[in-house]
């Protein structure tokens, strides 16, 4: 009878046993990535030494994260954001010559289908909140205009809620829009002053970190994606400089260059104004 050599998985060799099974994979890069993740996961298990029930509880948590994700809410993105993973990936991949606008994580409330609107349009569809006029300027590193740049913007309302968090309370696409800058690289639109908010803690990610005493209050901000042919796309936030939670942003996105003043209108009225300049870098060869 021919003896069979069995690769028995033990505590000391667990990663190697899994890696051997992927050694001849037709997708070597993916296999390498998986082995790296396996190595770190096995290392964590050896260090933490969870009981079988504790490991089942961890699996149940990940299952709940999946169940909480749908086309309106992405709990996996939220978990990645809250653990700093999303911003770390941004930092690793950021092409940021000195003087350009920093990039930040997109966040879990982005929608790619916001309507195209003319300059000066009002993206507040329910008329609720303190009025805010946004004036933006898109420039290159030499200070020259980037004509025709595309601008996507989205934000929370004056109560700190996004439209896709409240589909029954806010109009579809409320506080979202896409604009094209003019020939001078400028754009303007009307909206409302956003409020800061607690990261949703009604799902598994928020419940876990809330129970650990983790800061969950985001400072007030507006999201932007700025793109133009021949330039690196900017995905970023503009933060209200007066917000008291700037040092506790749970998504780790606050940078000095992204702070801006929300100023009252010169006439002393109830309207606010925001004026901000975005600086783009030329795309690297092969990435335009």
Protein backbone atom coordinates (compact mmCIF):
# COMPACT_ATOMS: atom_id res chain seq x y z
CA UNK A 1 0.00 0.00 0.00
CA UNK A 2 1.33 3.42 -0.96
CA UNK A 3 1.75 5.74 1.97
CA UNK A 4 0.17 9.18 1.74
CA UNK A 5 2.11 12.21 2.90
CA UNK A 6 -0.39 14.39 4.72
CA UNK A 7 0.39 18.04 5.31
CA UNK A 8 -0.97 18.30 8.80
CA UNK A 9 -1.84 21.82 9.87
CA UNK A 10 -0.42 22.65 13.28
CA UNK A 11 0.05 25.87 15.20
CA UNK A 12 3.68 26.22 14.14
CA UNK A 13 3.21 25.59 10.41
CA UNK A 14 -0.33 26.81 9.67
CA UNK A 15 0.62 29.61 7.27
CA UNK A 16 3.09 27.43 5.37
CA UNK A 17 0.50 24.69 4.86
CA UNK A 18 -1.97 27.15 3.35
CA UNK A 19 0.76 28.81 1.26
CA UNK A 20 1.81 25.47 -0.27
CA UNK A 21 -1.69 24.96 -1.60
CA UNK A 22 -1.43 28.28 -3.42
CA UNK A 23 2.11 27.81 -4.70
CA UNK A 24 1.02 26.83 -8.23
CA UNK A 25 -1.86 29.27 -8.52
CA UNK A 26 -2.54 30.66 -12.02
CA UNK A 27 -3.00 34.05 -10.31
CA UNK A 28 0.33 34.52 -8.47
CA UNK A 29 -0.26 38.14 -7.44
CA UNK A 30 -3.65 37.35 -5.93
CA UNK A 31 -2.22 34.25 -4.28
CA UNK A 32 0.60 36.30 -2.75
CA UNK A 33 -1.90 38.82 -1.40
CA UNK A 34 -4.04 36.06 0.10
CA UNK A 35 -1.03 34.39 1.74
CA UNK A 36 -0.03 37.74 3.24
CA UNK A 37 -3.51 38.17 4.71
CA UNK A 38 -3.50 34.57 5.95
CA UNK A 39 -0.13 35.07 7.63
CA UNK A 40 -1.36 38.13 9.50
CA UNK A 41 -4.65 36.44 10.45
CA UNK A 42 -2.86 33.34 11.76
CA UNK A 43 -0.44 35.54 13.67
CA UNK A 44 -3.37 37.34 15.32
CA UNK A 45 -5.02 34.04 16.26
CA UNK A 46 -1.78 32.72 17.79
CA UNK A 47 -1.34 35.95 19.75
CA UNK A 48 -4.95 36.32 20.93
CA UNK A 49 -5.63 32.58 21.34
CA UNK A 50 -9.43 32.89 21.05
CA UNK A 51 -11.73 30.14 22.19
CA UNK A 52 -13.87 28.40 19.59
CA UNK A 53 -16.87 30.41 20.77
CA UNK A 54 -14.94 33.69 20.60
CA UNK A 55 -13.93 32.92 17.01
CA UNK A 56 -17.53 32.10 16.12
CA UNK A 57 -18.54 35.46 17.63
CA UNK A 58 -15.99 37.19 15.39
CA UNK A 59 -17.40 35.38 12.34
CA UNK A 60 -20.92 36.39 13.37
CA UNK A 61 -19.78 40.03 13.56
CA UNK A 62 -18.38 39.90 10.02
CA UNK A 63 -21.59 38.26 8.85
CA UNK A 64 -23.62 41.09 10.41
CA UNK A 65 -21.44 43.64 8.59
CA UNK A 66 -22.29 41.94 5.31
CA UNK A 67 -26.00 41.84 6.11
CA UNK A 68 -25.94 45.57 6.95
CA UNK A 69 -24.55 46.46 3.52
CA UNK A 70 -26.81 47.26 0.57
CA UNK A 71 -27.01 49.65 -2.36
CA UNK A 72 -27.67 52.59 -0.03
CA UNK A 73 -25.40 51.75 2.88
CA UNK A 74 -21.94 50.16 2.76
CA UNK A 75 -21.06 48.87 6.22
CA UNK A 76 -17.79 47.32 4.97
CA UNK A 77 -16.65 50.73 3.74
CA UNK A 78 -17.64 52.25 7.08
CA UNK A 79 -15.63 49.63 8.98
CA UNK A 80 -12.61 50.19 6.73
CA UNK A 81 -12.94 53.95 7.22
CA UNK A 82 -13.26 53.77 11.00
CA UNK A 83 -10.22 51.52 11.39
CA UNK A 84 -8.06 53.90 9.35
CA UNK A 85 -7.56 51.36 6.56
CA UNK A 86 -9.19 53.46 3.86
CA UNK A 87 -7.13 56.54 4.64
CA UNK A 88 -3.96 54.42 4.84
CA UNK A 89 -4.64 53.09 1.33
CA UNK A 90 -5.15 56.69 0.16
CA UNK A 91 -1.86 57.77 1.75
CA UNK A 92 0.06 54.86 0.19
CA UNK A 93 -1.32 55.62 -3.27
CA UNK A 94 -1.39 59.40 -3.05
CA UNK A 95 0.56 61.35 -5.65
CA UNK A 96 0.85 64.64 -3.85
CA UNK A 97 3.47 67.13 -4.98
CA UNK A 98 3.94 69.99 -2.55
CA UNK A 99 1.17 72.53 -2.89
CA UNK A 100 -1.55 70.21 -4.20
CA UNK A 101 -4.82 69.61 -2.41
CA UNK A 102 -4.62 66.50 -0.18
CA UNK A 103 -6.74 63.47 -0.94
CA UNK A 104 -9.02 61.81 1.60
CA UNK A 105 -11.28 58.77 1.81
CA UNK A 106 -14.54 58.94 -0.12
CA UNK A 107 -16.68 57.82 2.79
CA UNK A 108 -19.69 55.47 2.78
CA UNK A 109 -22.37 57.90 1.54
CA UNK A 110 -21.10 58.62 -1.98
CA UNK A 111 -23.39 58.06 -4.97
CA UNK A 112 -21.96 58.01 -8.51
CA UNK A 113 -25.22 59.07 -10.16
CA UNK A 114 -25.63 62.63 -8.85
CA UNK A 115 -27.32 64.90 -11.42
CA UNK A 116 -25.37 67.22 -13.75
CA UNK A 117 -26.35 70.80 -12.95
CA UNK A 118 -25.61 74.27 -14.35
CA UNK A 119 -23.29 76.59 -12.46
CA UNK A 120 -25.14 78.51 -9.78
CA UNK A 121 -27.74 75.79 -9.25
CA UNK A 122 -29.18 75.02 -5.83
CA UNK A 123 -28.51 71.45 -4.68
CA UNK A 124 -30.75 71.83 -1.61
CA UNK A 125 -34.04 70.33 -2.77
CA UNK A 126 -36.08 70.62 0.42
CA UNK A 127 -35.27 74.24 1.34
CA UNK A 128 -34.20 73.31 4.86
CA UNK A 129 -31.10 74.69 6.54
CA UNK A 130 -28.94 77.81 6.69
CA UNK A 131 -28.15 78.92 3.16
CA UNK A 132 -24.57 78.56 1.93
CA UNK A 133 -23.02 79.75 -1.34
CA UNK A 134 -19.96 77.80 -2.45
CA UNK A 135 -17.38 79.41 -4.74
CA UNK A 136 -14.65 77.08 -5.93
CA UNK A 137 -11.54 77.59 -8.02
CA UNK A 138 -9.58 74.82 -9.74
CA UNK A 139 -5.92 75.63 -10.41
CA UNK A 140 -2.73 73.81 -11.36
CA UNK A 141 0.53 74.03 -9.44
CA UNK A 142 1.51 77.15 -11.38
CA UNK A 143 -1.71 78.87 -10.33
CA UNK A 144 -3.24 78.63 -13.80
CA UNK A 145 -6.94 77.79 -14.23
CA UNK A 146 -8.02 74.27 -15.12
CA UNK A 147 -10.92 75.06 -17.48
CA UNK A 148 -13.79 72.62 -17.74
CA UNK A 149 -12.82 70.59 -14.65
CA UNK A 150 -15.59 68.29 -13.42
CA UNK A 151 -16.76 68.72 -9.84
CA UNK A 152 -18.81 66.20 -7.88
CA UNK A 153 -20.07 67.29 -4.50
CA UNK A 154 -22.18 65.77 -1.74
CA UNK A 155 -22.78 66.57 1.90
CA UNK A 156 -24.91 66.10 5.00
CA UNK A 157 -27.73 68.50 5.77
CA UNK A 158 -28.03 70.89 8.71
CA UNK A 159 -28.87 67.97 11.00
CA UNK A 160 -25.87 65.92 9.89
CA UNK A 161 -27.83 63.47 7.74
CA UNK A 162 -27.16 62.40 4.15
CA UNK A 163 -29.95 61.90 1.65
CA UNK A 164 -29.28 58.15 1.35
CA UNK A 165 -29.52 57.81 5.14
CA UNK A 166 -33.02 59.26 5.06
CA UNK A 167 -34.64 58.14 1.79
CA UNK A 168 -38.11 58.70 3.26
CA UNK A 169 -37.32 62.15 4.69
CA UNK A 170 -35.10 63.82 2.08
CA UNK A 171 -35.69 64.18 -1.67
CA UNK A 172 -33.74 61.95 -4.01
CA UNK A 173 -30.27 63.45 -4.69
CA UNK A 174 -30.72 66.13 -2.05
CA UNK A 175 -27.42 68.00 -1.47
CA UNK A 176 -25.66 66.25 -4.36
CA UNK A 177 -24.60 67.50 -7.76
CA UNK A 178 -22.06 67.54 -10.56
CA UNK A 179 -20.79 70.73 -12.16
CA UNK A 180 -18.34 71.73 -14.85
CA UNK A 181 -16.00 74.62 -14.10
CA UNK A 182 -15.99 77.57 -16.50
CA UNK A 183 -13.09 78.64 -18.73
CA UNK A 184 -11.43 80.33 -15.76
CA UNK A 185 -11.59 77.13 -13.71
CA UNK A 186 -14.24 78.56 -11.40
CA UNK A 187 -17.53 77.14 -10.23
CA UNK A 188 -20.29 78.15 -7.87
CA UNK A 189 -23.46 76.61 -6.51
CA UNK A 190 -25.90 77.04 -3.64
CA UNK A 191 -26.52 74.65 -0.79
CA UNK A 192 -26.91 74.69 3.00
CA UNK A 193 -24.32 74.77 5.73
CA UNK A 194 -23.59 71.15 6.74
CA UNK A 195 -23.52 69.97 10.32
CA UNK A 196 -21.10 67.53 11.84
CA UNK A 197 -22.52 64.17 12.81
CA UNK A 198 -21.91 60.95 14.64
CA UNK A 199 -20.87 58.13 12.40
CA UNK A 200 -23.83 55.71 12.20
CA UNK A 201 -23.65 53.49 15.26
CA UNK A 202 -26.84 51.51 14.59
CA UNK A 203 -24.90 48.89 12.61
CA UNK A 204 -22.31 46.32 13.69
CA UNK A 205 -19.27 48.50 12.96
CA UNK A 206 -20.57 51.48 14.92
CA UNK A 207 -21.88 49.35 17.77
CA UNK A 208 -18.50 47.66 18.19
CA UNK A 209 -16.48 50.86 18.31
CA UNK A 210 -19.06 52.75 20.37
CA UNK A 211 -18.78 50.05 23.00
CA UNK A 212 -15.01 50.58 23.03
CA UNK A 213 -15.33 54.32 23.61
CA UNK A 214 -14.00 55.16 20.14
CA UNK A 215 -14.56 58.76 18.90
CA UNK A 216 -17.40 58.66 16.37
CA UNK A 217 -18.21 62.34 15.75
CA UNK A 218 -17.21 63.68 12.33
CA UNK A 219 -16.52 67.42 12.00
CA UNK A 220 -18.68 69.36 9.52
CA UNK A 221 -17.46 69.03 5.93
CA UNK A 222 -18.35 68.93 2.26
CA UNK A 223 -17.11 66.20 -0.08
CA UNK A 224 -15.58 66.94 -3.48
CA UNK A 225 -14.20 64.94 -6.39
CA UNK A 226 -12.35 67.15 -8.90
CA UNK A 227 -11.26 65.64 -12.21
CA UNK A 228 -9.85 66.95 -15.49
CA UNK A 229 -8.05 65.39 -18.46
CA UNK A 230 -4.29 65.31 -17.92
CA UNK A 231 -4.56 65.77 -14.14
CA UNK A 232 -4.62 63.52 -11.11
CA UNK A 233 -8.16 63.28 -9.73
CA UNK A 234 -8.68 64.86 -6.31
CA UNK A 235 -11.08 63.14 -3.91
CA UNK A 236 -11.24 65.20 -0.76
CA UNK A 237 -13.17 66.98 2.00
CA UNK A 238 -13.35 70.66 2.91
CA UNK A 239 -13.78 71.03 6.68
CA UNK A 240 -15.35 73.79 8.75
CA UNK A 241 -12.44 75.34 10.61
CA UNK A 242 -14.66 76.24 13.57
CA UNK A 243 -15.82 72.67 14.27
CA UNK A 244 -14.81 71.42 17.75
CA UNK A 245 -14.26 67.82 16.59
CA UNK A 246 -11.48 68.41 14.06
CA UNK A 247 -8.94 66.53 16.19
CA UNK A 248 -11.19 63.49 16.59
CA UNK A 249 -12.29 62.77 13.03
CA UNK A 250 -12.95 59.00 13.08
CA UNK A 251 -12.06 58.77 9.37
CA UNK A 252 -8.65 60.41 9.90
CA UNK A 253 -9.21 62.81 7.01
CA UNK A 254 -8.56 66.24 8.56
CA UNK A 255 -5.48 68.02 7.21
CA UNK A 256 -4.51 71.68 7.69
CA UNK A 257 -4.81 72.40 3.96
CA UNK A 258 -8.45 71.28 3.99
CA UNK A 259 -9.68 73.68 6.67
CA UNK A 260 -11.84 76.55 5.47
CA UNK A 261 -13.81 79.41 6.96
CA UNK A 262 -17.58 79.47 6.56
CA UNK A 263 -18.23 83.22 6.62
CA UNK A 264 -21.46 85.12 6.98
CA UNK A 265 -22.54 87.25 4.04
CA UNK A 266 -21.16 90.81 4.13
CA UNK A 267 -24.69 92.18 4.35
CA UNK A 268 -25.09 90.50 7.73
CA UNK A 269 -27.85 88.22 6.50
CA UNK A 270 -28.45 84.59 7.33
CA UNK A 271 -26.53 83.29 4.32
CA UNK A 272 -23.03 81.83 4.60
CA UNK A 273 -20.20 81.78 2.06
CA UNK A 274 -17.41 79.31 1.41
CA UNK A 275 -14.54 80.13 -0.93
CA UNK A 276 -11.95 77.42 -1.61
CA UNK A 277 -9.22 76.76 -4.16
CA UNK A 278 -8.38 73.22 -5.28
CA UNK A 279 -4.87 72.68 -6.64
CA UNK A 280 -4.37 69.81 -9.08
CA UNK A 281 -1.18 68.04 -10.12
CA UNK A 282 -0.45 66.98 -13.67
CA UNK A 283 -0.97 63.25 -14.17
CA UNK A 284 2.11 61.11 -14.12
CA UNK A 285 3.11 59.45 -17.36
CA UNK A 286 0.84 56.51 -18.04
CA UNK A 287 -1.86 57.56 -15.54
CA UNK A 288 -3.65 60.33 -17.43
